């Protein structure tokens, strides 16, 4: 189990996908990373559901059409302040993530910047 903030998971997900798709990783470590990605995805899905519930509650269900779909709208300064406060708390919430940590021994030479967003997976 690894304790990590939801915001860290959300921010690391794209980098994690790119890493697994562009880096030659030994098969045993790739399997662990793939399993870890599934766990991260579950938590991100839960986060997105809660974020949508929060946006709906604060906006009163009011939406506007955008090019890429509909978005909840916060029309008053009070709604915007409440959204900012609640969303900040949501992304700062720490969870126990059920993943297996990976040793960097045996990995190819990797730039530290490539794994920094998901360093919580490495020993």
PDB file of N, CA and C in Angstrom:
ATOM      1  N   UNK A   1       0.834  -1.176   0.000  1.00  0.00           N
ATOM      2  CA  UNK A   1       0.000   0.000   0.000  1.00  0.00           C
ATOM      3  C   UNK A   1       0.887   1.250   0.000  1.00  0.00           C
ATOM      4  N   UNK A   2       0.466   2.203  -0.798  1.00  0.00           N
ATOM      5  CA  UNK A   2       1.194   3.454  -0.921  1.00  0.00           C
ATOM      6  C   UNK A   2       0.211   4.592  -0.679  1.00  0.00           C
ATOM      7  N   UNK A   3       0.599   5.538   0.164  1.00  0.00           N
ATOM      8  CA  UNK A   3      -0.239   6.695   0.429  1.00  0.00           C
ATOM      9  C   UNK A   3       0.122   7.774  -0.603  1.00  0.00           C
ATOM     10  N   UNK A   4      -0.907   8.273  -1.310  1.00  0.00           N
ATOM     11  CA  UNK A   4      -0.664   9.257  -2.366  1.00  0.00           C
ATOM     12  C   UNK A   4      -1.883  10.171  -2.500  1.00  0.00           C
ATOM     13  N   UNK A   5      -1.638  11.420  -2.871  1.00  0.00           N
ATOM     14  CA  UNK A   5      -2.728  12.376  -3.073  1.00  0.00           C
ATOM     15  C   UNK A   5      -3.405  12.105  -4.416  1.00  0.00           C
ATOM     16  N   UNK A   6      -4.716  12.293  -4.447  1.00  0.00           N
ATOM     17  CA  UNK A   6      -5.479  12.094  -5.681  1.00  0.00           C
ATOM     18  C   UNK A   6      -4.914  12.963  -6.810  1.00  0.00           C
ATOM     19  N   UNK A   7      -4.584  14.199  -6.509  1.00  0.00           N
ATOM     20  CA  UNK A   7      -4.029  15.101  -7.529  1.00  0.00           C
ATOM     21  C   UNK A   7      -2.756  14.545  -8.149  1.00  0.00           C
ATOM     22  N   UNK A   8      -1.936  13.892  -7.344  1.00  0.00           N
ATOM     23  CA  UNK A   8      -0.703  13.275  -7.850  1.00  0.00           C
ATOM     24  C   UNK A   8      -1.044  12.173  -8.846  1.00  0.00           C
ATOM     25  N   UNK A   9      -2.041  11.361  -8.523  1.00  0.00           N
ATOM     26  CA  UNK A   9      -2.448  10.284  -9.441  1.00  0.00           C
ATOM     27  C   UNK A   9      -2.935  10.853 -10.768  1.00  0.00           C
ATOM     28  N   UNK A  10      -3.810  11.841 -10.678  1.00  0.00           N
ATOM     29  CA  UNK A  10      -4.378  12.438 -11.888  1.00  0.00           C
ATOM     30  C   UNK A  10      -3.268  13.033 -12.751  1.00  0.00           C
ATOM     31  N   UNK A  11      -2.352  13.756 -12.115  1.00  0.00           N
ATOM     32  CA  UNK A  11      -1.276  14.399 -12.865  1.00  0.00           C
ATOM     33  C   UNK A  11      -0.254  13.411 -13.416  1.00  0.00           C
ATOM     34  N   UNK A  12      -0.175  12.232 -12.821  1.00  0.00           N
ATOM     35  CA  UNK A  12       0.829  11.261 -13.270  1.00  0.00           C
ATOM     36  C   UNK A  12       0.337  10.330 -14.367  1.00  0.00           C
ATOM     37  N   UNK A  13      -0.964  10.263 -14.565  1.00  0.00           N
ATOM     38  CA  UNK A  13      -1.519   9.217 -15.418  1.00  0.00           C
ATOM     39  C   UNK A  13      -1.043   9.289 -16.871  1.00  0.00           C
ATOM     40  N   UNK A  14      -1.037  10.461 -17.467  1.00  0.00           N
ATOM     41  CA  UNK A  14      -0.595  10.592 -18.865  1.00  0.00           C
ATOM     42  C   UNK A  14       0.883  10.232 -19.003  1.00  0.00           C
ATOM     43  N   UNK A  15       1.703  10.704 -18.054  1.00  0.00           N
ATOM     44  CA  UNK A  15       3.136  10.401 -18.102  1.00  0.00           C
ATOM     45  C   UNK A  15       3.380   8.910 -17.924  1.00  0.00           C
ATOM     46  N   UNK A  16       2.587   8.277 -17.094  1.00  0.00           N
ATOM     47  CA  UNK A  16       2.711   6.839 -16.866  1.00  0.00           C
ATOM     48  C   UNK A  16       2.399   6.059 -18.138  1.00  0.00           C
ATOM     49  N   UNK A  17       1.337   6.448 -18.824  1.00  0.00           N
ATOM     50  CA  UNK A  17       0.979   5.798 -20.087  1.00  0.00           C
ATOM     51  C   UNK A  17       2.055   5.968 -21.142  1.00  0.00           C
ATOM     52  N   UNK A  18       2.579   7.182 -21.235  1.00  0.00           N
ATOM     53  CA  UNK A  18       3.647   7.442 -22.208  1.00  0.00           C
ATOM     54  C   UNK A  18       4.886   6.625 -21.874  1.00  0.00           C
ATOM     55  N   UNK A  19       5.225   6.551 -20.600  1.00  0.00           N
ATOM     56  CA  UNK A  19       6.391   5.797 -20.165  1.00  0.00           C
ATOM     57  C   UNK A  19       6.273   4.334 -20.555  1.00  0.00           C
ATOM     58  N   UNK A  20       5.151   3.728 -20.257  1.00  0.00           N
ATOM     59  CA  UNK A  20       4.975   2.295 -20.524  1.00  0.00           C
ATOM     60  C   UNK A  20       4.978   2.013 -22.026  1.00  0.00           C
ATOM     61  N   UNK A  21       4.518   2.970 -22.835  1.00  0.00           N
ATOM     62  CA  UNK A  21       4.443   2.766 -24.279  1.00  0.00           C
ATOM     63  C   UNK A  21       5.725   3.117 -25.024  1.00  0.00           C
ATOM     64  N   UNK A  22       6.613   3.869 -24.403  1.00  0.00           N
ATOM     65  CA  UNK A  22       7.805   4.324 -25.131  1.00  0.00           C
ATOM     66  C   UNK A  22       9.126   3.832 -24.546  1.00  0.00           C
ATOM     67  N   UNK A  23       9.076   3.141 -23.413  1.00  0.00           N
ATOM     68  CA  UNK A  23      10.305   2.703 -22.758  1.00  0.00           C
ATOM     69  C   UNK A  23      10.380   1.184 -22.789  1.00  0.00           C
ATOM     70  N   UNK A  24      11.555   0.672 -23.142  1.00  0.00           N
ATOM     71  CA  UNK A  24      11.759  -0.774 -23.126  1.00  0.00           C
ATOM     72  C   UNK A  24      11.985  -1.203 -21.679  1.00  0.00           C
ATOM     73  N   UNK A  25      11.014  -1.937 -21.165  1.00  0.00           N
ATOM     74  CA  UNK A  25      11.033  -2.351 -19.771  1.00  0.00           C
ATOM     75  C   UNK A  25      11.035  -3.877 -19.735  1.00  0.00           C
ATOM     76  N   UNK A  26      11.811  -4.468 -18.830  1.00  0.00           N
ATOM     77  CA  UNK A  26      11.773  -5.929 -18.708  1.00  0.00           C
ATOM     78  C   UNK A  26      10.336  -6.399 -18.446  1.00  0.00           C
ATOM     79  N   UNK A  27       9.998  -7.556 -18.984  1.00  0.00           N
ATOM     80  CA  UNK A  27       8.630  -8.062 -18.935  1.00  0.00           C
ATOM     81  C   UNK A  27       8.073  -8.161 -17.519  1.00  0.00           C
ATOM     82  N   UNK A  28       8.884  -8.598 -16.564  1.00  0.00           N
ATOM     83  CA  UNK A  28       8.371  -8.729 -15.191  1.00  0.00           C
ATOM     84  C   UNK A  28       7.999  -7.375 -14.591  1.00  0.00           C
ATOM     85  N   UNK A  29       8.787  -6.357 -14.879  1.00  0.00           N
ATOM     86  CA  UNK A  29       8.491  -5.014 -14.368  1.00  0.00           C
ATOM     87  C   UNK A  29       7.329  -4.381 -15.140  1.00  0.00           C
ATOM     88  N   UNK A  30       7.245  -4.666 -16.428  1.00  0.00           N
ATOM     89  CA  UNK A  30       6.135  -4.153 -17.234  1.00  0.00           C
ATOM     90  C   UNK A  30       4.800  -4.696 -16.731  1.00  0.00           C
ATOM     91  N   UNK A  31       4.789  -5.954 -16.312  1.00  0.00           N
ATOM     92  CA  UNK A  31       3.578  -6.560 -15.771  1.00  0.00           C
ATOM     93  C   UNK A  31       3.141  -5.857 -14.481  1.00  0.00           C
ATOM     94  N   UNK A  32       4.087  -5.596 -13.607  1.00  0.00           N
ATOM     95  CA  UNK A  32       3.783  -4.892 -12.353  1.00  0.00           C
ATOM     96  C   UNK A  32       3.257  -3.493 -12.655  1.00  0.00           C
ATOM     97  N   UNK A  33       3.899  -2.794 -13.582  1.00  0.00           N
ATOM     98  CA  UNK A  33       3.453  -1.442 -13.943  1.00  0.00           C
ATOM     99  C   UNK A  33       2.044  -1.498 -14.532  1.00  0.00           C
ATOM    100  N   UNK A  34       1.771  -2.475 -15.380  1.00  0.00           N
ATOM    101  CA  UNK A  34       0.436  -2.603 -15.975  1.00  0.00           C
ATOM    102  C   UNK A  34      -0.618  -2.834 -14.896  1.00  0.00           C
ATOM    103  N   UNK A  35      -0.309  -3.664 -13.928  1.00  0.00           N
ATOM    104  CA  UNK A  35      -1.247  -3.893 -12.815  1.00  0.00           C
ATOM    105  C   UNK A  35      -1.439  -2.615 -11.992  1.00  0.00           C
ATOM    106  N   UNK A  36      -0.354  -1.910 -11.774  1.00  0.00           N
ATOM    107  CA  UNK A  36      -0.430  -0.649 -11.033  1.00  0.00           C
ATOM    108  C   UNK A  36      -1.295   0.368 -11.782  1.00  0.00           C
ATOM    109  N   UNK A  37      -1.163   0.405 -13.096  1.00  0.00           N
ATOM    110  CA  UNK A  37      -1.954   1.327 -13.908  1.00  0.00           C
ATOM    111  C   UNK A  37      -3.443   1.043 -13.726  1.00  0.00           C
ATOM    112  N   UNK A  38      -3.815  -0.224 -13.656  1.00  0.00           N
ATOM    113  CA  UNK A  38      -5.224  -0.574 -13.433  1.00  0.00           C
ATOM    114  C   UNK A  38      -5.728  -0.023 -12.110  1.00  0.00           C
ATOM    115  N   UNK A  39      -4.915  -0.103 -11.082  1.00  0.00           N
ATOM    116  CA  UNK A  39      -5.303   0.426  -9.773  1.00  0.00           C
ATOM    117  C   UNK A  39      -5.429   1.950  -9.816  1.00  0.00           C
ATOM    118  N   UNK A  40      -4.477   2.584 -10.478  1.00  0.00           N
ATOM    119  CA  UNK A  40      -4.528   4.049 -10.611  1.00  0.00           C
ATOM    120  C   UNK A  40      -5.780   4.454 -11.382  1.00  0.00           C
ATOM    121  N   UNK A  41      -6.087   3.732 -12.450  1.00  0.00           N
ATOM    122  CA  UNK A  41      -7.270   4.046 -13.260  1.00  0.00           C
ATOM    123  C   UNK A  41      -8.550   3.947 -12.436  1.00  0.00           C
ATOM    124  N   UNK A  42      -8.640   2.929 -11.571  1.00  0.00           N
ATOM    125  CA  UNK A  42      -9.825   2.789 -10.710  1.00  0.00           C
ATOM    126  C   UNK A  42     -10.004   4.025  -9.838  1.00  0.00           C
ATOM    127  N   UNK A  43      -8.914   4.495  -9.251  1.00  0.00           N
ATOM    128  CA  UNK A  43      -8.987   5.659  -8.370  1.00  0.00           C
ATOM    129  C   UNK A  43      -9.317   6.928  -9.157  1.00  0.00           C
ATOM    130  N   UNK A  44      -8.787   7.056 -10.361  1.00  0.00           N
ATOM    131  CA  UNK A  44      -9.085   8.229 -11.184  1.00  0.00           C
ATOM    132  C   UNK A  44     -10.552   8.220 -11.591  1.00  0.00           C
ATOM    133  N   UNK A  45     -11.085   7.057 -11.907  1.00  0.00           N
ATOM    134  CA  UNK A  45     -12.507   6.950 -12.255  1.00  0.00           C
ATOM    135  C   UNK A  45     -13.371   7.386 -11.075  1.00  0.00           C
ATOM    136  N   UNK A  46     -13.034   6.934  -9.890  1.00  0.00           N
ATOM    137  CA  UNK A  46     -13.766   7.341  -8.693  1.00  0.00           C
ATOM    138  C   UNK A  46     -13.647   8.841  -8.478  1.00  0.00           C
ATOM    139  N   UNK A  47     -12.440   9.386  -8.650  1.00  0.00           N
ATOM    140  CA  UNK A  47     -12.228  10.824  -8.522  1.00  0.00           C
ATOM    141  C   UNK A  47     -13.107  11.600  -9.502  1.00  0.00           C
ATOM    142  N   UNK A  48     -13.140  11.162 -10.755  1.00  0.00           N
ATOM    143  CA  UNK A  48     -13.937  11.860 -11.770  1.00  0.00           C
ATOM    144  C   UNK A  48     -15.428  11.831 -11.435  1.00  0.00           C
ATOM    145  N   UNK A  49     -15.902  10.709 -10.912  1.00  0.00           N
ATOM    146  CA  UNK A  49     -17.309  10.623 -10.500  1.00  0.00           C
ATOM    147  C   UNK A  49     -17.600  11.609  -9.369  1.00  0.00           C
ATOM    148  N   UNK A  50     -16.729  11.664  -8.394  1.00  0.00           N
ATOM    149  CA  UNK A  50     -16.920  12.577  -7.266  1.00  0.00           C
ATOM    150  C   UNK A  50     -16.789  14.035  -7.704  1.00  0.00           C
ATOM    151  N   UNK A  51     -15.870  14.311  -8.607  1.00  0.00           N
ATOM    152  CA  UNK A  51     -15.713  15.671  -9.132  1.00  0.00           C
ATOM    153  C   UNK A  51     -16.979  16.112  -9.854  1.00  0.00           C
ATOM    154  N   UNK A  52     -17.563  15.216 -10.640  1.00  0.00           N
ATOM    155  CA  UNK A  52     -18.801  15.549 -11.351  1.00  0.00           C
ATOM    156  C   UNK A  52     -19.961  15.772 -10.391  1.00  0.00           C
ATOM    157  N   UNK A  53     -20.062  14.953  -9.353  1.00  0.00           N
ATOM    158  CA  UNK A  53     -21.118  15.144  -8.345  1.00  0.00           C
ATOM    159  C   UNK A  53     -20.954  16.503  -7.659  1.00  0.00           C
ATOM    160  N   UNK A  54     -19.719  16.837  -7.335  1.00  0.00           N
ATOM    161  CA  UNK A  54     -19.421  18.107  -6.681  1.00  0.00           C
ATOM    162  C   UNK A  54     -19.789  19.282  -7.586  1.00  0.00           C
ATOM    163  N   UNK A  55     -19.391  19.204  -8.846  1.00  0.00           N
ATOM    164  CA  UNK A  55     -19.700  20.278  -9.795  1.00  0.00           C
ATOM    165  C   UNK A  55     -21.202  20.425  -9.972  1.00  0.00           C
ATOM    166  N   UNK A  56     -21.907  19.309 -10.038  1.00  0.00           N
ATOM    167  CA  UNK A  56     -23.360  19.364 -10.199  1.00  0.00           C
ATOM    168  C   UNK A  56     -24.020  20.005  -8.975  1.00  0.00           C
ATOM    169  N   UNK A  57     -23.566  19.607  -7.800  1.00  0.00           N
ATOM    170  CA  UNK A  57     -24.142  20.154  -6.567  1.00  0.00           C
ATOM    171  C   UNK A  57     -23.898  21.659  -6.461  1.00  0.00           C
ATOM    172  N   UNK A  58     -22.671  22.085  -6.696  1.00  0.00           N
ATOM    173  CA  UNK A  58     -22.334  23.498  -6.522  1.00  0.00           C
ATOM    174  C   UNK A  58     -22.969  24.364  -7.600  1.00  0.00           C
ATOM    175  N   UNK A  59     -23.042  23.859  -8.824  1.00  0.00           N
ATOM    176  CA  UNK A  59     -23.617  24.647  -9.922  1.00  0.00           C
ATOM    177  C   UNK A  59     -25.136  24.619  -9.928  1.00  0.00           C
ATOM    178  N   UNK A  60     -25.715  23.758  -9.109  1.00  0.00           N
ATOM    179  CA  UNK A  60     -27.163  23.580  -9.141  1.00  0.00           C
ATOM    180  C   UNK A  60     -27.604  22.835 -10.385  1.00  0.00           C
ATOM    181  N   UNK A  61     -26.679  22.113 -11.004  1.00  0.00           N
ATOM    182  CA  UNK A  61     -26.986  21.329 -12.200  1.00  0.00           C
ATOM    183  C   UNK A  61     -26.954  22.134 -13.485  1.00  0.00           C
ATOM    184  N   UNK A  62     -26.572  23.401 -13.384  1.00  0.00           N
ATOM    185  CA  UNK A  62     -26.565  24.261 -14.569  1.00  0.00           C
ATOM    186  C   UNK A  62     -25.344  23.966 -15.450  1.00  0.00           C
ATOM    187  N   UNK A  63     -25.633  23.741 -16.735  1.00  0.00           N
ATOM    188  CA  UNK A  63     -24.575  23.409 -17.696  1.00  0.00           C
ATOM    189  C   UNK A  63     -24.643  24.339 -18.894  1.00  0.00           C
ATOM    190  N   UNK A  64     -23.500  24.425 -19.587  1.00  0.00           N
ATOM    191  CA  UNK A  64     -23.421  25.139 -20.867  1.00  0.00           C
ATOM    192  C   UNK A  64     -22.802  24.197 -21.880  1.00  0.00           C
ATOM    193  N   UNK A  65     -23.249  24.323 -23.109  1.00  0.00           N
ATOM    194  CA  UNK A  65     -22.662  23.518 -24.186  1.00  0.00           C
ATOM    195  C   UNK A  65     -21.319  24.122 -24.587  1.00  0.00           C
ATOM    196  N   UNK A  66     -20.365  23.262 -24.762  1.00  0.00           N
ATOM    197  CA  UNK A  66     -19.028  23.637 -25.237  1.00  0.00           C
ATOM    198  C   UNK A  66     -18.724  22.788 -26.459  1.00  0.00           C
ATOM    199  N   UNK A  67     -17.638  23.098 -27.153  1.00  0.00           N
ATOM    200  CA  UNK A  67     -17.254  22.332 -28.341  1.00  0.00           C
ATOM    201  C   UNK A  67     -17.067  20.847 -28.036  1.00  0.00           C
ATOM    202  N   UNK A  68     -16.560  20.549 -26.850  1.00  0.00           N
ATOM    203  CA  UNK A  68     -16.279  19.157 -26.503  1.00  0.00           C
ATOM    204  C   UNK A  68     -17.312  18.569 -25.536  1.00  0.00           C
ATOM    205  N   UNK A  69     -18.516  19.118 -25.531  1.00  0.00           N
ATOM    206  CA  UNK A  69     -19.581  18.580 -24.679  1.00  0.00           C
ATOM    207  C   UNK A  69     -20.161  19.644 -23.779  1.00  0.00           C
ATOM    208  N   UNK A  70     -20.753  19.202 -22.701  1.00  0.00           N
ATOM    209  CA  UNK A  70     -21.346  20.118 -21.744  1.00  0.00           C
ATOM    210  C   UNK A  70     -20.460  20.227 -20.505  1.00  0.00           C
ATOM    211  N   UNK A  71     -20.482  21.419 -19.908  1.00  0.00           N
ATOM    212  CA  UNK A  71     -19.712  21.648 -18.693  1.00  0.00           C
ATOM    213  C   UNK A  71     -20.597  22.342 -17.664  1.00  0.00           C
ATOM    214  N   UNK A  72     -20.383  22.004 -16.400  1.00  0.00           N
ATOM    215  CA  UNK A  72     -21.095  22.695 -15.337  1.00  0.00           C
ATOM    216  C   UNK A  72     -20.591  24.134 -15.261  1.00  0.00           C
ATOM    217  N   UNK A  73     -21.509  25.047 -14.904  1.00  0.00           N
ATOM    218  CA  UNK A  73     -21.184  26.474 -14.879  1.00  0.00           C
ATOM    219  C   UNK A  73     -21.404  27.022 -13.471  1.00  0.00           C
ATOM    220  N   UNK A  74     -20.426  27.774 -12.999  1.00  0.00           N
ATOM    221  CA  UNK A  74     -20.528  28.451 -11.711  1.00  0.00           C
ATOM    222  C   UNK A  74     -20.727  29.929 -12.013  1.00  0.00           C
ATOM    223  N   UNK A  75     -21.951  30.398 -11.837  1.00  0.00           N
ATOM    224  CA  UNK A  75     -22.303  31.750 -12.271  1.00  0.00           C
ATOM    225  C   UNK A  75     -22.043  32.817 -11.220  1.00  0.00           C
ATOM    226  N   UNK A  76     -21.981  32.429  -9.965  1.00  0.00           N
ATOM    227  CA  UNK A  76     -21.784  33.438  -8.932  1.00  0.00           C
ATOM    228  C   UNK A  76     -20.386  33.314  -8.338  1.00  0.00           C
ATOM    229  N   UNK A  77     -19.874  34.412  -7.775  1.00  0.00           N
ATOM    230  CA  UNK A  77     -18.570  34.334  -7.094  1.00  0.00           C
ATOM    231  C   UNK A  77     -18.591  33.336  -5.931  1.00  0.00           C
ATOM    232  N   UNK A  78     -19.743  33.227  -5.269  1.00  0.00           N
ATOM    233  CA  UNK A  78     -19.854  32.281  -4.163  1.00  0.00           C
ATOM    234  C   UNK A  78     -19.705  30.847  -4.658  1.00  0.00           C
ATOM    235  N   UNK A  79     -20.338  30.545  -5.791  1.00  0.00           N
ATOM    236  CA  UNK A  79     -20.207  29.202  -6.367  1.00  0.00           C
ATOM    237  C   UNK A  79     -18.755  28.929  -6.752  1.00  0.00           C
ATOM    238  N   UNK A  80     -18.102  29.914  -7.348  1.00  0.00           N
ATOM    239  CA  UNK A  80     -16.710  29.739  -7.767  1.00  0.00           C
ATOM    240  C   UNK A  80     -15.806  29.519  -6.556  1.00  0.00           C
ATOM    241  N   UNK A  81     -16.021  30.280  -5.496  1.00  0.00           N
ATOM    242  CA  UNK A  81     -15.211  30.106  -4.277  1.00  0.00           C
ATOM    243  C   UNK A  81     -15.450  28.726  -3.657  1.00  0.00           C
ATOM    244  N   UNK A  82     -16.719  28.326  -3.613  1.00  0.00           N
ATOM    245  CA  UNK A  82     -17.029  27.009  -3.049  1.00  0.00           C
ATOM    246  C   UNK A  82     -16.391  25.902  -3.889  1.00  0.00           C
ATOM    247  N   UNK A  83     -16.474  26.034  -5.224  1.00  0.00           N
ATOM    248  CA  UNK A  83     -15.863  25.050  -6.110  1.00  0.00           C
ATOM    249  C   UNK A  83     -14.359  24.968  -5.869  1.00  0.00           C
ATOM    250  N   UNK A  84     -13.708  26.107  -5.818  1.00  0.00           N
ATOM    251  CA  UNK A  84     -12.260  26.135  -5.622  1.00  0.00           C
ATOM    252  C   UNK A  84     -11.875  25.473  -4.303  1.00  0.00           C
ATOM    253  N   UNK A  85     -12.598  25.814  -3.241  1.00  0.00           N
ATOM    254  CA  UNK A  85     -12.313  25.238  -1.915  1.00  0.00           C
ATOM    255  C   UNK A  85     -12.533  23.727  -1.920  1.00  0.00           C
ATOM    256  N   UNK A  86     -13.681  23.283  -2.407  1.00  0.00           N
ATOM    257  CA  UNK A  86     -14.018  21.855  -2.383  1.00  0.00           C
ATOM    258  C   UNK A  86     -13.130  21.044  -3.329  1.00  0.00           C
ATOM    259  N   UNK A  87     -12.852  21.585  -4.522  1.00  0.00           N
ATOM    260  CA  UNK A  87     -12.022  20.861  -5.479  1.00  0.00           C
ATOM    261  C   UNK A  87     -10.587  20.741  -4.968  1.00  0.00           C
ATOM    262  N   UNK A  88     -10.084  21.810  -4.351  1.00  0.00           N
ATOM    263  CA  UNK A  88      -8.740  21.763  -3.781  1.00  0.00           C
ATOM    264  C   UNK A  88      -8.651  20.684  -2.712  1.00  0.00           C
ATOM    265  N   UNK A  89      -9.679  20.587  -1.880  1.00  0.00           N
ATOM    266  CA  UNK A  89      -9.700  19.537  -0.855  1.00  0.00           C
ATOM    267  C   UNK A  89      -9.767  18.152  -1.494  1.00  0.00           C
ATOM    268  N   UNK A  90     -10.544  18.033  -2.560  1.00  0.00           N
ATOM    269  CA  UNK A  90     -10.688  16.742  -3.242  1.00  0.00           C
ATOM    270  C   UNK A  90      -9.363  16.269  -3.829  1.00  0.00           C
ATOM    271  N   UNK A  91      -8.670  17.128  -4.552  1.00  0.00           N
ATOM    272  CA  UNK A  91      -7.408  16.690  -5.171  1.00  0.00           C
ATOM    273  C   UNK A  91      -6.286  16.532  -4.152  1.00  0.00           C
ATOM    274  N   UNK A  92      -6.434  17.157  -2.993  1.00  0.00           N
ATOM    275  CA  UNK A  92      -5.430  17.019  -1.949  1.00  0.00           C
ATOM    276  C   UNK A  92      -5.644  15.808  -1.061  1.00  0.00           C
ATOM    277  N   UNK A  93      -6.796  15.168  -1.195  1.00  0.00           N
ATOM    278  CA  UNK A  93      -7.101  14.008  -0.355  1.00  0.00           C
ATOM    279  C   UNK A  93      -6.117  12.876  -0.626  1.00  0.00           C
ATOM    280  N   UNK A  94      -5.606  12.301   0.446  1.00  0.00           N
ATOM    281  CA  UNK A  94      -4.682  11.176   0.300  1.00  0.00           C
ATOM    282  C   UNK A  94      -5.441   9.867   0.442  1.00  0.00           C
ATOM    283  N   UNK A  95      -5.032   8.920  -0.379  1.00  0.00           N
ATOM    284  CA  UNK A  95      -5.642   7.591  -0.343  1.00  0.00           C
ATOM    285  C   UNK A  95      -4.539   6.547  -0.192  1.00  0.00           C
ATOM    286  N   UNK A  96      -4.941   5.367   0.219  1.00  0.00           N
ATOM    287  CA  UNK A  96      -4.037   4.216   0.261  1.00  0.00           C
ATOM    288  C   UNK A  96      -4.215   3.488  -1.070  1.00  0.00           C
ATOM    289  N   UNK A  97      -3.198   3.520  -1.892  1.00  0.00           N
ATOM    290  CA  UNK A  97      -3.246   2.900  -3.208  1.00  0.00           C
ATOM    291  C   UNK A  97      -2.637   1.505  -3.119  1.00  0.00           C
ATOM    292  N   UNK A  98      -3.375   0.520  -3.567  1.00  0.00           N
ATOM    293  CA  UNK A  98      -2.933  -0.861  -3.493  1.00  0.00           C
ATOM    294  C   UNK A  98      -2.103  -1.206  -4.723  1.00  0.00           C
ATOM    295  N   UNK A  99      -0.836  -0.806  -4.672  1.00  0.00           N
ATOM    296  CA  UNK A  99       0.073  -1.102  -5.787  1.00  0.00           C
ATOM    297  C   UNK A  99       1.339  -1.758  -5.248  1.00  0.00           C
ATOM    298  N   UNK A 100       2.055  -2.375  -6.171  1.00  0.00           N
ATOM    299  CA  UNK A 100       3.332  -2.979  -5.829  1.00  0.00           C
ATOM    300  C   UNK A 100       4.431  -2.018  -6.248  1.00  0.00           C
ATOM    301  N   UNK A 101       5.323  -1.675  -5.326  1.00  0.00           N
ATOM    302  CA  UNK A 101       6.446  -0.804  -5.672  1.00  0.00           C
ATOM    303  C   UNK A 101       7.437  -1.572  -6.535  1.00  0.00           C
ATOM    304  N   UNK A 102       8.117  -0.833  -7.408  1.00  0.00           N
ATOM    305  CA  UNK A 102       9.026  -1.425  -8.378  1.00  0.00           C
ATOM    306  C   UNK A 102      10.445  -0.954  -8.080  1.00  0.00           C
ATOM    307  N   UNK A 103      11.366  -1.877  -8.102  1.00  0.00           N
ATOM    308  CA  UNK A 103      12.771  -1.525  -7.930  1.00  0.00           C
ATOM    309  C   UNK A 103      13.285  -0.947  -9.248  1.00  0.00           C
ATOM    310  N   UNK A 104      14.105   0.084  -9.159  1.00  0.00           N
ATOM    311  CA  UNK A 104      14.688   0.658 -10.374  1.00  0.00           C
ATOM    312  C   UNK A 104      15.855  -0.180 -10.886  1.00  0.00           C
ATOM    313  N   UNK A 105      16.325  -1.127 -10.072  1.00  0.00           N
ATOM    314  CA  UNK A 105      17.391  -2.025 -10.519  1.00  0.00           C
ATOM    315  C   UNK A 105      16.867  -2.855 -11.688  1.00  0.00           C
ATOM    316  N   UNK A 106      17.641  -2.922 -12.729  1.00  0.00           N
ATOM    317  CA  UNK A 106      17.248  -3.716 -13.885  1.00  0.00           C
ATOM    318  C   UNK A 106      16.456  -2.938 -14.922  1.00  0.00           C
ATOM    319  N   UNK A 107      16.117  -1.692 -14.600  1.00  0.00           N
ATOM    320  CA  UNK A 107      15.446  -0.852 -15.599  1.00  0.00           C
ATOM    321  C   UNK A 107      16.498  -0.230 -16.496  1.00  0.00           C
ATOM    322  N   UNK A 108      16.157   0.043 -17.735  1.00  0.00           N
ATOM    323  CA  UNK A 108      17.124   0.719 -18.603  1.00  0.00           C
ATOM    324  C   UNK A 108      17.427   2.108 -18.050  1.00  0.00           C
ATOM    325  N   UNK A 109      18.485   2.711 -18.575  1.00  0.00           N
ATOM    326  CA  UNK A 109      18.849   4.061 -18.165  1.00  0.00           C
ATOM    327  C   UNK A 109      17.694   5.005 -18.495  1.00  0.00           C
ATOM    328  N   UNK A 110      17.082   5.568 -17.478  1.00  0.00           N
ATOM    329  CA  UNK A 110      15.900   6.404 -17.657  1.00  0.00           C
ATOM    330  C   UNK A 110      16.174   7.786 -17.066  1.00  0.00           C
ATOM    331  N   UNK A 111      15.779   8.812 -17.800  1.00  0.00           N
ATOM    332  CA  UNK A 111      15.901  10.166 -17.274  1.00  0.00           C
ATOM    333  C   UNK A 111      14.984  10.289 -16.064  1.00  0.00           C
ATOM    334  N   UNK A 112      15.492  10.811 -14.962  1.00  0.00           N
ATOM    335  CA  UNK A 112      14.651  10.968 -13.765  1.00  0.00           C
ATOM    336  C   UNK A 112      13.376  11.769 -14.033  1.00  0.00           C
ATOM    337  N   UNK A 113      13.436  12.731 -14.919  1.00  0.00           N
ATOM    338  CA  UNK A 113      12.256  13.551 -15.221  1.00  0.00           C
ATOM    339  C   UNK A 113      11.114  12.712 -15.806  1.00  0.00           C
ATOM    340  N   UNK A 114      11.458  11.600 -16.470  1.00  0.00           N
ATOM    341  CA  UNK A 114      10.413  10.749 -17.066  1.00  0.00           C
ATOM    342  C   UNK A 114       9.592  10.019 -16.012  1.00  0.00           C
ATOM    343  N   UNK A 115      10.217   9.671 -14.883  1.00  0.00           N
ATOM    344  CA  UNK A 115       9.488   8.917 -13.862  1.00  0.00           C
ATOM    345  C   UNK A 115       9.099   9.775 -12.654  1.00  0.00           C
ATOM    346  N   UNK A 116       9.523  11.013 -12.633  1.00  0.00           N
ATOM    347  CA  UNK A 116       9.195  11.879 -11.503  1.00  0.00           C
ATOM    348  C   UNK A 116       7.692  11.985 -11.236  1.00  0.00           C
ATOM    349  N   UNK A 117       6.832  12.111 -12.269  1.00  0.00           N
ATOM    350  CA  UNK A 117       5.395  12.232 -11.982  1.00  0.00           C
ATOM    351  C   UNK A 117       4.789  11.013 -11.275  1.00  0.00           C
ATOM    352  N   UNK A 118       5.403   9.857 -11.413  1.00  0.00           N
ATOM    353  CA  UNK A 118       4.868   8.657 -10.764  1.00  0.00           C
ATOM    354  C   UNK A 118       5.926   7.962  -9.921  1.00  0.00           C
ATOM    355  N   UNK A 119       6.735   8.765  -9.264  1.00  0.00           N
ATOM    356  CA  UNK A 119       7.798   8.221  -8.403  1.00  0.00           C
ATOM    357  C   UNK A 119       7.243   7.393  -7.245  1.00  0.00           C
ATOM    358  N   UNK A 120       5.967   7.584  -6.935  1.00  0.00           N
ATOM    359  CA  UNK A 120       5.344   6.814  -5.848  1.00  0.00           C
ATOM    360  C   UNK A 120       5.326   5.323  -6.140  1.00  0.00           C
ATOM    361  N   UNK A 121       5.598   4.919  -7.398  1.00  0.00           N
ATOM    362  CA  UNK A 121       5.611   3.499  -7.752  1.00  0.00           C
ATOM    363  C   UNK A 121       6.965   2.834  -7.566  1.00  0.00           C
ATOM    364  N   UNK A 122       8.002   3.634  -7.351  1.00  0.00           N
ATOM    365  CA  UNK A 122       9.357   3.083  -7.314  1.00  0.00           C
ATOM    366  C   UNK A 122       9.948   3.080  -5.908  1.00  0.00           C
ATOM    367  N   UNK A 123      10.806   2.081  -5.674  1.00  0.00           N
ATOM    368  CA  UNK A 123      11.529   1.974  -4.399  1.00  0.00           C
ATOM    369  C   UNK A 123      12.814   2.754  -4.520  1.00  0.00           C
TER     370      UNK A 123
END
